[in-house]
C-alpha atoms as a PDB file:
ATOM      1  CA  UNK A   1      27.610 -56.375  80.606  1.00  0.00           C
ATOM      2  CA  UNK A   2      29.530 -56.587  77.637  1.00  0.00           C
ATOM      3  CA  UNK A   3      28.658 -53.575  76.045  1.00  0.00           C
ATOM      4  CA  UNK A   4      28.466 -51.459  79.431  1.00  0.00           C
ATOM      5  CA  UNK A   5      32.309 -52.939  80.108  1.00  0.00           C
ATOM      6  CA  UNK A   6      33.735 -52.111  77.028  1.00  0.00           C
ATOM      7  CA  UNK A   7      31.935 -48.593  76.664  1.00  0.00           C
ATOM      8  CA  UNK A   8      34.466 -48.238  80.435  1.00  0.00           C
ATOM      9  CA  UNK A   9      37.843 -50.105  79.158  1.00  0.00           C
ATOM     10  CA  UNK A  10      38.408 -47.863  76.106  1.00  0.00           C
ATOM     11  CA  UNK A  11      37.788 -44.556  78.509  1.00  0.00           C
ATOM     12  CA  UNK A  12      40.831 -47.002  80.609  1.00  0.00           C
ATOM     13  CA  UNK A  13      43.323 -47.437  77.951  1.00  0.00           C
ATOM     14  CA  UNK A  14      46.573 -45.431  79.312  1.00  0.00           C
ATOM     15  CA  UNK A  15      46.317 -47.296  82.449  1.00  0.00           C
ATOM     16  CA  UNK A  16      44.702 -51.261  81.232  1.00  0.00           C
ATOM     17  CA  UNK A  17      44.808 -53.451  79.404  1.00  0.00           C
ATOM     18  CA  UNK A  18      43.218 -56.327  78.009  1.00  0.00           C
ATOM     19  CA  UNK A  19      45.233 -60.439  79.262  1.00  0.00           C
ATOM     20  CA  UNK A  20      43.985 -63.580  76.420  1.00  0.00           C
ATOM     21  CA  UNK A  21      42.836 -65.554  79.632  1.00  0.00           C
ATOM     22  CA  UNK A  22      40.970 -68.805  80.226  1.00  0.00           C
ATOM     23  CA  UNK A  23      37.160 -68.898  80.803  1.00  0.00           C
ATOM     24  CA  UNK A  24      37.025 -64.827  81.329  1.00  0.00           C
ATOM     25  CA  UNK A  25      34.882 -62.827  79.513  1.00  0.00           C
ATOM     26  CA  UNK A  26      37.088 -59.557  80.474  1.00  0.00           C
ATOM     27  CA  UNK A  27      40.475 -59.953  82.134  1.00  0.00           C
ATOM     28  CA  UNK A  28      41.422 -56.746  82.228  1.00  0.00           C
ATOM     29  CA  UNK A  29      45.513 -55.939  84.048  1.00  0.00           C
ATOM     30  CA  UNK A  30      47.415 -53.231  84.608  1.00  0.00           C
ATOM     31  CA  UNK A  31      49.659 -50.840  82.106  1.00  0.00           C
ATOM     32  CA  UNK A  32      52.692 -50.805  84.409  1.00  0.00           C
ATOM     33  CA  UNK A  33      54.269 -54.127  83.544  1.00  0.00           C
ATOM     34  CA  UNK A  34      55.449 -54.831  87.602  1.00  0.00           C
ATOM     35  CA  UNK A  35      51.892 -54.469  89.108  1.00  0.00           C
ATOM     36  CA  UNK A  36      49.490 -57.325  89.326  1.00  0.00           C
ATOM     37  CA  UNK A  37      46.992 -56.148  89.949  1.00  0.00           C
ATOM     38  CA  UNK A  38      43.471 -57.595  87.835  1.00  0.00           C
ATOM     39  CA  UNK A  39      39.791 -57.049  87.132  1.00  0.00           C
ATOM     40  CA  UNK A  40      38.353 -60.468  85.495  1.00  0.00           C
ATOM     41  CA  UNK A  41      35.065 -61.507  84.753  1.00  0.00           C
ATOM     42  CA  UNK A  42      34.081 -65.522  84.115  1.00  0.00           C
ATOM     43  CA  UNK A  43      32.296 -67.194  81.476  1.00  0.00           C
ATOM     44  CA  UNK A  44      31.901 -70.653  83.779  1.00  0.00           C
ATOM     45  CA  UNK A  45      31.432 -68.821  87.952  1.00  0.00           C
ATOM     46  CA  UNK A  46      30.751 -72.599  89.184  1.00  0.00           C
ATOM     47  CA  UNK A  47      35.098 -73.295  88.702  1.00  0.00           C
ATOM     48  CA  UNK A  48      35.478 -70.107  91.393  1.00  0.00           C
ATOM     49  CA  UNK A  49      32.065 -70.140  93.335  1.00  0.00           C
ATOM     50  CA  UNK A  50      30.272 -72.757  95.346  1.00  0.00           C
ATOM     51  CA  UNK A  51      27.245 -71.647  95.503  1.00  0.00           C
ATOM     52  CA  UNK A  52      27.230 -69.602  92.297  1.00  0.00           C
ATOM     53  CA  UNK A  53      24.306 -67.585  90.972  1.00  0.00           C
ATOM     54  CA  UNK A  54      24.081 -68.606  86.799  1.00  0.00           C
ATOM     55  CA  UNK A  55      21.906 -65.779  87.073  1.00  0.00           C
ATOM     56  CA  UNK A  56      24.639 -63.216  87.175  1.00  0.00           C
ATOM     57  CA  UNK A  57      28.201 -63.260  87.009  1.00  0.00           C
ATOM     58  CA  UNK A  58      31.263 -64.226  88.846  1.00  0.00           C
ATOM     59  CA  UNK A  59      33.954 -60.986  88.754  1.00  0.00           C
ATOM     60  CA  UNK A  60      37.133 -61.283  90.684  1.00  0.00           C
ATOM     61  CA  UNK A  61      39.715 -57.876  91.495  1.00  0.00           C
ATOM     62  CA  UNK A  62      42.974 -57.177  92.734  1.00  0.00           C
ATOM     63  CA  UNK A  63      43.362 -55.239  95.200  1.00  0.00           C
ATOM     64  CA  UNK A  64      40.012 -55.538  96.642  1.00  0.00           C
ATOM     65  CA  UNK A  65      39.968 -51.564  97.823  1.00  0.00           C
ATOM     66  CA  UNK A  66      41.958 -49.618  99.554  1.00  0.00           C
ATOM     67  CA  UNK A  67      43.253 -50.468 102.211  1.00  0.00           C
ATOM     68  CA  UNK A  68      43.100 -54.374 100.946  1.00  0.00           C
ATOM     69  CA  UNK A  69      46.489 -55.245  98.444  1.00  0.00           C
ATOM     70  CA  UNK A  70      43.886 -59.037  98.635  1.00  0.00           C
ATOM     71  CA  UNK A  71      41.754 -60.404  95.602  1.00  0.00           C
ATOM     72  CA  UNK A  72      38.045 -60.046  95.503  1.00  0.00           C
ATOM     73  CA  UNK A  73      36.323 -62.757  94.307  1.00  0.00           C
ATOM     74  CA  UNK A  74      32.589 -61.563  94.182  1.00  0.00           C
ATOM     75  CA  UNK A  75      29.468 -62.571  91.459  1.00  0.00           C
ATOM     76  CA  UNK A  76      25.779 -60.420  90.718  1.00  0.00           C
ATOM     77  CA  UNK A  77      24.077 -58.297  88.690  1.00  0.00           C
ATOM     78  CA  UNK A  78      25.290 -56.255  85.422  1.00  0.00           C
ATOM     79  CA  UNK A  79      25.085 -52.812  88.019  1.00  0.00           C
ATOM     80  CA  UNK A  80      27.242 -55.024  90.618  1.00  0.00           C
ATOM     81  CA  UNK A  81      29.807 -55.687  87.665  1.00  0.00           C
ATOM     82  CA  UNK A  82      30.029 -52.369  86.165  1.00  0.00           C
ATOM     83  CA  UNK A  83      29.293 -50.731  90.069  1.00  0.00           C
ATOM     84  CA  UNK A  84      33.306 -52.567  91.311  1.00  0.00           C
ATOM     85  CA  UNK A  85      34.910 -52.190  88.183  1.00  0.00           C
ATOM     86  CA  UNK A  86      34.472 -48.667  88.334  1.00  0.00           C
ATOM     87  CA  UNK A  87      35.807 -48.716  91.575  1.00  0.00           C
ATOM     88  CA  UNK A  88      38.640 -51.115  90.477  1.00  0.00           C
ATOM     89  CA  UNK A  89      39.179 -48.515  87.707  1.00  0.00           C
ATOM     90  CA  UNK A  90      39.353 -45.336  90.442  1.00  0.00           C
ATOM     91  CA  UNK A  91      42.058 -47.761  92.897  1.00  0.00           C
ATOM     92  CA  UNK A  92      44.331 -47.964  88.977  1.00  0.00           C
ATOM     93  CA  UNK A  93      44.484 -44.406  88.523  1.00  0.00           C
ATOM     94  CA  UNK A  94      45.350 -43.126  92.241  1.00  0.00           C
ATOM     95  CA  UNK A  95      47.832 -45.422  91.720  1.00  0.00           C
ATOM     96  CA  UNK A  96      48.906 -44.256  88.666  1.00  0.00           C
ATOM     97  CA  UNK A  97      48.336 -41.199  89.684  1.00  0.00           C
ATOM     98  CA  UNK A  98      50.625 -40.459  93.233  1.00  0.00           C
ATOM     99  CA  UNK A  99      53.714 -39.120  92.941  1.00  0.00           C
ATOM    100  CA  UNK A 100      56.102 -41.738  95.119  1.00  0.00           C
ATOM    101  CA  UNK A 101      59.771 -40.578  95.964  1.00  0.00           C
ATOM    102  CA  UNK A 102      60.800 -43.736  94.181  1.00  0.00           C
ATOM    103  CA  UNK A 103      60.294 -41.824  90.991  1.00  0.00           C
ATOM    104  CA  UNK A 104      62.274 -41.177  88.722  1.00  0.00           C
ATOM    105  CA  UNK A 105      61.248 -37.021  88.095  1.00  0.00           C
ATOM    106  CA  UNK A 106      63.795 -36.520  86.215  1.00  0.00           C
ATOM    107  CA  UNK A 107      63.570 -39.176  83.805  1.00  0.00           C
ATOM    108  CA  UNK A 108      59.561 -39.070  83.808  1.00  0.00           C
ATOM    109  CA  UNK A 109      60.048 -35.337  83.384  1.00  0.00           C
ATOM    110  CA  UNK A 110      61.678 -36.078  80.141  1.00  0.00           C
ATOM    111  CA  UNK A 111      59.573 -38.908  78.818  1.00  0.00           C
ATOM    112  CA  UNK A 112      56.443 -36.061  79.558  1.00  0.00           C
ATOM    113  CA  UNK A 113      58.573 -33.907  76.687  1.00  0.00           C
ATOM    114  CA  UNK A 114      58.766 -36.332  74.256  1.00  0.00           C
ATOM    115  CA  UNK A 115      55.189 -37.979  74.344  1.00  0.00           C
ATOM    116  CA  UNK A 116      54.135 -34.369  73.752  1.00  0.00           C
ATOM    117  CA  UNK A 117      56.279 -33.851  70.631  1.00  0.00           C
ATOM    118  CA  UNK A 118      55.955 -37.090  69.557  1.00  0.00           C
ATOM    119  CA  UNK A 119      52.094 -37.311  70.611  1.00  0.00           C
ATOM    120  CA  UNK A 120      50.012 -39.348  68.055  1.00  0.00           C
ATOM    121  CA  UNK A 121      46.645 -37.352  66.821  1.00  0.00           C
ATOM    122  CA  UNK A 122      45.009 -40.294  65.291  1.00  0.00           C
ATOM    123  CA  UNK A 123      40.988 -40.902  65.905  1.00  0.00           C
ATOM    124  CA  UNK A 124      41.419 -43.590  67.030  1.00  0.00           C
ATOM    125  CA  UNK A 125      45.548 -43.012  68.864  1.00  0.00           C
ATOM    126  CA  UNK A 126      43.594 -45.030  72.047  1.00  0.00           C
ATOM    127  CA  UNK A 127      41.842 -47.617  70.533  1.00  0.00           C
ATOM    128  CA  UNK A 128      43.980 -49.344  67.912  1.00  0.00           C
ATOM    129  CA  UNK A 129      47.097 -50.670  66.986  1.00  0.00           C
ATOM    130  CA  UNK A 130      49.401 -49.383  64.535  1.00  0.00           C
ATOM    131  CA  UNK A 131      48.579 -51.663  61.820  1.00  0.00           C
ATOM    132  CA  UNK A 132      51.808 -54.394  60.395  1.00  0.00           C
ATOM    133  CA  UNK A 133      53.422 -52.820  57.652  1.00  0.00           C
ATOM    134  CA  UNK A 134      53.507 -50.016  61.048  1.00  0.00           C
ATOM    135  CA  UNK A 135      54.723 -52.571  63.346  1.00  0.00           C
ATOM    136  CA  UNK A 136      57.649 -53.775  60.842  1.00  0.00           C
ATOM    137  CA  UNK A 137      58.984 -50.233  60.955  1.00  0.00           C
ATOM    138  CA  UNK A 138      58.422 -49.647  64.811  1.00  0.00           C
ATOM    139  CA  UNK A 139      59.930 -53.427  65.221  1.00  0.00           C
ATOM    140  CA  UNK A 140      63.266 -52.298  62.795  1.00  0.00           C
ATOM    141  CA  UNK A 141      63.386 -48.753  64.462  1.00  0.00           C
ATOM    142  CA  UNK A 142      63.259 -50.573  68.346  1.00  0.00           C
ATOM    143  CA  UNK A 143      66.061 -52.819  66.935  1.00  0.00           C
ATOM    144  CA  UNK A 144      68.533 -49.914  65.755  1.00  0.00           C
ATOM    145  CA  UNK A 145      67.752 -48.351  69.132  1.00  0.00           C
ATOM    146  CA  UNK A 146      68.272 -51.469  71.195  1.00  0.00           C
ATOM    147  CA  UNK A 147      71.705 -52.008  69.390  1.00  0.00           C
ATOM    148  CA  UNK A 148      72.354 -48.235  69.487  1.00  0.00           C
ATOM    149  CA  UNK A 149      72.572 -48.193  73.430  1.00  0.00           C
ATOM    150  CA  UNK A 150      74.080 -51.639  73.394  1.00  0.00           C
ATOM    151  CA  UNK A 151      77.616 -49.969  71.975  1.00  0.00           C
ATOM    152  CA  UNK A 152      76.879 -46.414  72.832  1.00  0.00           C
ATOM    153  CA  UNK A 153      80.345 -45.649  74.159  1.00  0.00           C
ATOM    154  CA  UNK A 154      78.639 -42.812  76.040  1.00  0.00           C
ATOM    155  CA  UNK A 155      79.221 -43.341  79.946  1.00  0.00           C
ATOM    156  CA  UNK A 156      75.912 -45.356  80.880  1.00  0.00           C
ATOM    157  CA  UNK A 157      76.044 -47.458  83.666  1.00  0.00           C
ATOM    158  CA  UNK A 158      75.307 -51.215  82.844  1.00  0.00           C
ATOM    159  CA  UNK A 159      72.217 -51.585  84.870  1.00  0.00           C
ATOM    160  CA  UNK A 160      70.250 -48.368  82.977  1.00  0.00           C
ATOM    161  CA  UNK A 161      72.039 -50.071  79.734  1.00  0.00           C
ATOM    162  CA  UNK A 162      69.992 -53.740  80.463  1.00  0.00           C
ATOM    163  CA  UNK A 163      66.829 -51.864  82.013  1.00  0.00           C
ATOM    164  CA  UNK A 164      65.501 -49.796  78.909  1.00  0.00           C
ATOM    165  CA  UNK A 165      66.989 -52.998  76.378  1.00  0.00           C
ATOM    166  CA  UNK A 166      64.523 -55.108  78.485  1.00  0.00           C
ATOM    167  CA  UNK A 167      61.290 -52.095  78.542  1.00  0.00           C
ATOM    168  CA  UNK A 168      62.585 -52.064  74.338  1.00  0.00           C
ATOM    169  CA  UNK A 169      61.863 -56.065  74.237  1.00  0.00           C
ATOM    170  CA  UNK A 170      58.968 -55.149  75.509  1.00  0.00           C
ATOM    171  CA  UNK A 171      57.673 -52.244  73.950  1.00  0.00           C
ATOM    172  CA  UNK A 172      58.767 -54.967  70.327  1.00  0.00           C
ATOM    173  CA  UNK A 173      56.660 -58.184  72.563  1.00  0.00           C
ATOM    174  CA  UNK A 174      53.990 -56.196  72.818  1.00  0.00           C
ATOM    175  CA  UNK A 175      52.673 -54.302  69.950  1.00  0.00           C
ATOM    176  CA  UNK A 176      50.449 -56.389  68.280  1.00  0.00           C
ATOM    177  CA  UNK A 177      48.187 -55.984  71.772  1.00  0.00           C
ATOM    178  CA  UNK A 178      48.870 -52.039  72.326  1.00  0.00           C
ATOM    179  CA  UNK A 179      47.966 -48.837  70.606  1.00  0.00           C
ATOM    180  CA  UNK A 180      49.058 -46.746  69.136  1.00  0.00           C
ATOM    181  CA  UNK A 181      49.458 -44.153  72.403  1.00  0.00           C
ATOM    182  CA  UNK A 182      50.947 -46.912  74.497  1.00  0.00           C
ATOM    183  CA  UNK A 183      54.065 -47.456  72.991  1.00  0.00           C
ATOM    184  CA  UNK A 184      54.413 -43.914  71.972  1.00  0.00           C
ATOM    185  CA  UNK A 185      53.817 -43.488  75.700  1.00  0.00           C
ATOM    186  CA  UNK A 186      56.035 -46.408  76.623  1.00  0.00           C
ATOM    187  CA  UNK A 187      59.096 -45.334  73.441  1.00  0.00           C
ATOM    188  CA  UNK A 188      58.666 -41.701  75.079  1.00  0.00           C
ATOM    189  CA  UNK A 189      59.572 -43.180  78.785  1.00  0.00           C
ATOM    190  CA  UNK A 190      62.846 -45.016  76.821  1.00  0.00           C
ATOM    191  CA  UNK A 191      63.830 -41.505  75.772  1.00  0.00           C
ATOM    192  CA  UNK A 192      63.541 -39.473  79.076  1.00  0.00           C
ATOM    193  CA  UNK A 193      65.602 -42.355  80.659  1.00  0.00           C
ATOM    194  CA  UNK A 194      68.361 -41.993  78.155  1.00  0.00           C
ATOM    195  CA  UNK A 195      68.355 -37.840  78.263  1.00  0.00           C
ATOM    196  CA  UNK A 196      69.716 -38.251  82.079  1.00  0.00           C
ATOM    197  CA  UNK A 197      71.999 -40.829  81.328  1.00  0.00           C
ATOM    198  CA  UNK A 198      73.447 -38.986  78.055  1.00  0.00           C
ATOM    199  CA  UNK A 199      72.126 -35.614  76.783  1.00  0.00           C
ATOM    200  CA  UNK A 200      74.019 -36.274  73.634  1.00  0.00           C
ATOM    201  CA  UNK A 201      73.162 -40.202  72.670  1.00  0.00           C
ATOM    202  CA  UNK A 202      68.858 -39.023  73.756  1.00  0.00           C
ATOM    203  CA  UNK A 203      69.117 -36.152  71.591  1.00  0.00           C
ATOM    204  CA  UNK A 204      70.514 -38.071  68.315  1.00  0.00           C
ATOM    205  CA  UNK A 205      68.206 -41.279  69.254  1.00  0.00           C
ATOM    206  CA  UNK A 206      65.418 -38.750  69.695  1.00  0.00           C
ATOM    207  CA  UNK A 207      66.641 -37.120  65.712  1.00  0.00           C
ATOM    208  CA  UNK A 208      66.916 -41.080  63.842  1.00  0.00           C
ATOM    209  CA  UNK A 209      63.418 -41.377  65.502  1.00  0.00           C
ATOM    210  CA  UNK A 210      62.008 -38.527  63.790  1.00  0.00           C
ATOM    211  CA  UNK A 211      64.114 -39.362  60.805  1.00  0.00           C
ATOM    212  CA  UNK A 212      63.783 -43.073  60.190  1.00  0.00           C
ATOM    213  CA  UNK A 213      60.663 -43.801  62.227  1.00  0.00           C
ATOM    214  CA  UNK A 214      58.488 -41.073  62.443  1.00  0.00           C
ATOM    215  CA  UNK A 215      59.243 -39.767  58.439  1.00  0.00           C
ATOM    216  CA  UNK A 216      58.170 -43.567  57.617  1.00  0.00           C
ATOM    217  CA  UNK A 217      55.412 -43.680  59.926  1.00  0.00           C
ATOM    218  CA  UNK A 218      53.715 -40.033  58.838  1.00  0.00           C
ATOM    219  CA  UNK A 219      54.228 -41.357  55.338  1.00  0.00           C
ATOM    220  CA  UNK A 220      52.029 -44.055  55.873  1.00  0.00           C
ATOM    221  CA  UNK A 221      48.850 -42.108  56.449  1.00  0.00           C
ATOM    222  CA  UNK A 222      49.931 -42.035  60.722  1.00  0.00           C
ATOM    223  CA  UNK A 223      48.857 -38.515  62.150  1.00  0.00           C
ATOM    224  CA  UNK A 224      51.169 -36.326  64.544  1.00  0.00           C
ATOM    225  CA  UNK A 225      51.396 -33.137  66.909  1.00  0.00           C
ATOM    226  CA  UNK A 226      50.444 -29.663  64.738  1.00  0.00           C
ATOM    227  CA  UNK A 227      54.787 -29.170  65.154  1.00  0.00           C
ATOM    228  CA  UNK A 228      55.988 -32.331  64.427  1.00  0.00           C
ATOM    229  CA  UNK A 229      53.477 -32.063  61.963  1.00  0.00           C
ATOM    230  CA  UNK A 230      55.045 -29.622  60.372  1.00  0.00           C
ATOM    231  CA  UNK A 231      58.646 -30.518  60.328  1.00  0.00           C
ATOM    232  CA  UNK A 232      57.395 -33.927  58.612  1.00  0.00           C
ATOM    233  CA  UNK A 233      55.909 -32.555  55.948  1.00  0.00           C
ATOM    234  CA  UNK A 234      59.080 -29.953  55.200  1.00  0.00           C
ATOM    235  CA  UNK A 235      60.671 -32.550  55.341  1.00  0.00           C
ATOM    236  CA  UNK A 236      58.411 -34.918  53.200  1.00  0.00           C
ATOM    237  CA  UNK A 237      58.743 -31.765  50.903  1.00  0.00           C
ATOM    238  CA  UNK A 238      62.633 -31.407  49.816  1.00  0.00           C
ATOM    239  CA  UNK A 239      62.396 -28.457  51.852  1.00  0.00           C
END
């Protein structure tokens, strides 16, 4: 069961993350910090199901299906767990792919642009975190970006400032449990929001990221998309 779940989860880390929780083999939650969706596989099912069959597994998922936002408690064999996990992932991915009227399409478009510009090509980018030294560098940049947003004279409204600063803090808090791709996805999302608020300030923030953050991570062995790699190689060789 663990091997099957691991294999499936590894290919979906762009939309889910593992959360530590007592009495669970696995507890997955959606990447969206505002989501309440989850999929949990319990170690001891007797705490959740009165007629628990110890020859199987107890698990729960939210939403229960495409028509019910409530949670579903269930038990079954390995095949049942895997089938429900795949079904849950299909629902979560569909949620993430839906374009809503509430979505900020401009900010998302800018964020997608920057994510492609800063794309990491490490083989383990979707499965592994930055190492401790790399995380230290990222934290310093995030602190600098926060100060820049707080003190900028550009006309960025206070609500947007607070929202972006909170997102940056959450990126910082989650560094140890986020993959390289997840970190860059969330950071470039902030860049996208910045660009919509102030093109000038966003360009300065991105230029600083290229010069301070990305350059240092590149020196520590992080591989980037060819376009950015050419730029960094040129800087690295003093060109």
